[in-house]
Amino acid sequence: MTAEEIILEGYRNCDLYDKEDINEHCKDVTAMKFFKGRENARIYCKEMTTPKGTRLVIAAVLHPGKKSQKNSQIERNIINRVGGYEYEID
């Protein structure tokens, strides 16, 4: 199964895509994980559902290289920023 299928079908695969549930403010923030063990790039996203029930995954911030297994202050700042954005869906 590809990363796109995992995300769009709503499956959870912690190695490729997972919630970044660091606090209540960021409960719908997720991370697409690329090149684990090498550059470890991530795209932090916001998951939303439209009033008609369509699931959206909004790619918000690219973080080119996570340095440690735990979220550092840099990652926590990005996650909080993505969780705090106001998103307008037409």
C-alpha atoms as a PDB file:
ATOM      1  CA  MET A   1       0.000   0.000   0.000  1.00  0.00           C
ATOM      2  CA  THR A   2       1.366   3.425  -0.931  1.00  0.00           C
ATOM      3  CA  ALA A   3       1.618   6.387   1.439  1.00  0.00           C
ATOM      4  CA  GLU A   4      -1.139   8.136  -0.514  1.00  0.00           C
ATOM      5  CA  GLU A   5      -3.481   5.169  -0.100  1.00  0.00           C
ATOM      6  CA  ILE A   6      -2.695   4.935   3.611  1.00  0.00           C
ATOM      7  CA  ILE A   7      -3.506   8.616   4.132  1.00  0.00           C
ATOM      8  CA  LEU A   8      -6.579   8.861   1.915  1.00  0.00           C
ATOM      9  CA  GLU A   9      -8.123   5.618   3.170  1.00  0.00           C
ATOM     10  CA  GLY A  10      -7.677   6.682   6.793  1.00  0.00           C
ATOM     11  CA  TYR A  11      -5.289   3.897   7.802  1.00  0.00           C
ATOM     12  CA  ARG A  12      -2.660   4.574  10.431  1.00  0.00           C
ATOM     13  CA  ASN A  13       0.904   3.541   9.733  1.00  0.00           C
ATOM     14  CA  CYS A  14       3.168   5.154  12.331  1.00  0.00           C
ATOM     15  CA  ASP A  15       6.198   4.720  10.078  1.00  0.00           C
ATOM     16  CA  LEU A  16       4.689   6.855   7.278  1.00  0.00           C
ATOM     17  CA  TYR A  17       1.895   8.983   8.711  1.00  0.00           C
ATOM     18  CA  ASP A  18       0.812   9.563  12.279  1.00  0.00           C
ATOM     19  CA  LYS A  19      -0.827  12.034  14.653  1.00  0.00           C
ATOM     20  CA  GLU A  20       1.359  14.538  16.470  1.00  0.00           C
ATOM     21  CA  ASP A  21      -0.873  14.675  19.519  1.00  0.00           C
ATOM     22  CA  ILE A  22       1.282  16.842  21.795  1.00  0.00           C
ATOM     23  CA  ASN A  23      -1.622  18.782  23.353  1.00  0.00           C
ATOM     24  CA  GLU A  24      -5.351  19.494  22.934  1.00  0.00           C
ATOM     25  CA  HIS A  25      -4.625  22.472  20.682  1.00  0.00           C
ATOM     26  CA  CYS A  26      -2.928  20.176  18.135  1.00  0.00           C
ATOM     27  CA  LYS A  27      -5.189  17.117  18.185  1.00  0.00           C
ATOM     28  CA  ASP A  28      -5.722  17.092  14.400  1.00  0.00           C
ATOM     29  CA  VAL A  29      -2.089  17.709  13.405  1.00  0.00           C
ATOM     30  CA  THR A  30      -0.343  14.848  11.633  1.00  0.00           C
ATOM     31  CA  ALA A  31       3.050  14.242  10.052  1.00  0.00           C
ATOM     32  CA  MET A  32       3.905  12.609   6.743  1.00  0.00           C
ATOM     33  CA  LYS A  33       7.299  11.007   7.321  1.00  0.00           C
ATOM     34  CA  PHE A  34       9.863  10.645   4.565  1.00  0.00           C
ATOM     35  CA  PHE A  35      13.328   9.065   4.488  1.00  0.00           C
ATOM     36  CA  LYS A  36      13.313   7.847   8.099  1.00  0.00           C
ATOM     37  CA  GLY A  37      16.832   7.103   9.209  1.00  0.00           C
ATOM     38  CA  ARG A  38      18.341   9.491   6.662  1.00  0.00           C
ATOM     39  CA  GLU A  39      17.179  13.106   6.145  1.00  0.00           C
ATOM     40  CA  ASN A  40      14.005  12.337   8.118  1.00  0.00           C
ATOM     41  CA  ALA A  41      11.972  15.056   6.362  1.00  0.00           C
ATOM     42  CA  ARG A  42       8.373  15.607   7.443  1.00  0.00           C
ATOM     43  CA  ILE A  43       5.358  17.495   6.225  1.00  0.00           C
ATOM     44  CA  TYR A  44       3.170  18.584   9.113  1.00  0.00           C
ATOM     45  CA  CYS A  45      -0.509  18.544   8.154  1.00  0.00           C
ATOM     46  CA  LYS A  46      -3.926  19.435   9.487  1.00  0.00           C
ATOM     47  CA  GLU A  47      -6.761  16.927   9.111  1.00  0.00           C
ATOM     48  CA  MET A  48     -10.257  18.334   8.714  1.00  0.00           C
ATOM     49  CA  THR A  49     -13.683  17.183   7.584  1.00  0.00           C
ATOM     50  CA  THR A  50     -15.966  19.350   5.465  1.00  0.00           C
ATOM     51  CA  PRO A  51     -19.632  19.799   6.411  1.00  0.00           C
ATOM     52  CA  LYS A  52     -20.455  17.267   3.650  1.00  0.00           C
ATOM     53  CA  GLY A  53     -18.142  14.677   5.246  1.00  0.00           C
ATOM     54  CA  THR A  54     -15.173  14.897   2.883  1.00  0.00           C
ATOM     55  CA  ARG A  55     -11.897  14.215   4.674  1.00  0.00           C
ATOM     56  CA  LEU A  56      -9.149  16.754   3.991  1.00  0.00           C
ATOM     57  CA  VAL A  57      -5.435  16.529   4.706  1.00  0.00           C
ATOM     58  CA  ILE A  58      -3.854  19.969   4.366  1.00  0.00           C
ATOM     59  CA  ALA A  59      -0.074  19.908   3.929  1.00  0.00           C
ATOM     60  CA  ALA A  60       0.969  22.948   5.953  1.00  0.00           C
ATOM     61  CA  VAL A  61       4.701  23.006   6.841  1.00  0.00           C
ATOM     62  CA  LEU A  62       7.757  21.166   5.519  1.00  0.00           C
ATOM     63  CA  HIS A  63      10.372  20.316   8.145  1.00  0.00           C
ATOM     64  CA  PRO A  64      13.423  19.128   6.169  1.00  0.00           C
ATOM     65  CA  GLY A  65      15.151  17.138   8.883  1.00  0.00           C
ATOM     66  CA  LYS A  66      14.100  15.933  12.295  1.00  0.00           C
ATOM     67  CA  LYS A  67      17.206  15.237  14.393  1.00  0.00           C
ATOM     68  CA  SER A  68      15.938  13.043  17.245  1.00  0.00           C
ATOM     69  CA  GLN A  69      13.307  10.426  17.920  1.00  0.00           C
ATOM     70  CA  LYS A  70      11.400  12.702  20.325  1.00  0.00           C
ATOM     71  CA  ASN A  71       9.895  16.029  19.303  1.00  0.00           C
ATOM     72  CA  SER A  72      12.340  18.837  20.053  1.00  0.00           C
ATOM     73  CA  GLN A  73      11.242  22.405  20.759  1.00  0.00           C
ATOM     74  CA  ILE A  74      11.551  23.086  16.998  1.00  0.00           C
ATOM     75  CA  GLU A  75       9.050  20.333  16.157  1.00  0.00           C
ATOM     76  CA  ARG A  76       6.708  21.326  19.007  1.00  0.00           C
ATOM     77  CA  ASN A  77       6.709  24.923  17.721  1.00  0.00           C
ATOM     78  CA  ILE A  78       5.852  23.751  14.186  1.00  0.00           C
ATOM     79  CA  ILE A  79       3.091  21.439  15.444  1.00  0.00           C
ATOM     80  CA  ASN A  80       1.578  24.204  17.574  1.00  0.00           C
ATOM     81  CA  ARG A  81       1.765  26.629  14.650  1.00  0.00           C
ATOM     82  CA  VAL A  82      -0.021  24.182  12.296  1.00  0.00           C
ATOM     83  CA  GLY A  83      -2.643  23.508  14.981  1.00  0.00           C
ATOM     84  CA  GLY A  84      -3.170  27.249  15.457  1.00  0.00           C
ATOM     85  CA  TYR A  85      -3.653  28.214  11.810  1.00  0.00           C
ATOM     86  CA  GLU A  86      -7.167  29.182  10.762  1.00  0.00           C
ATOM     87  CA  TYR A  87      -8.242  27.153   7.747  1.00  0.00           C
ATOM     88  CA  GLU A  88     -11.016  28.311   5.441  1.00  0.00           C
ATOM     89  CA  ILE A  89     -12.604  25.659   3.259  1.00  0.00           C
ATOM     90  CA  ASP A  90     -14.791  26.756   0.334  1.00  0.00           C
END
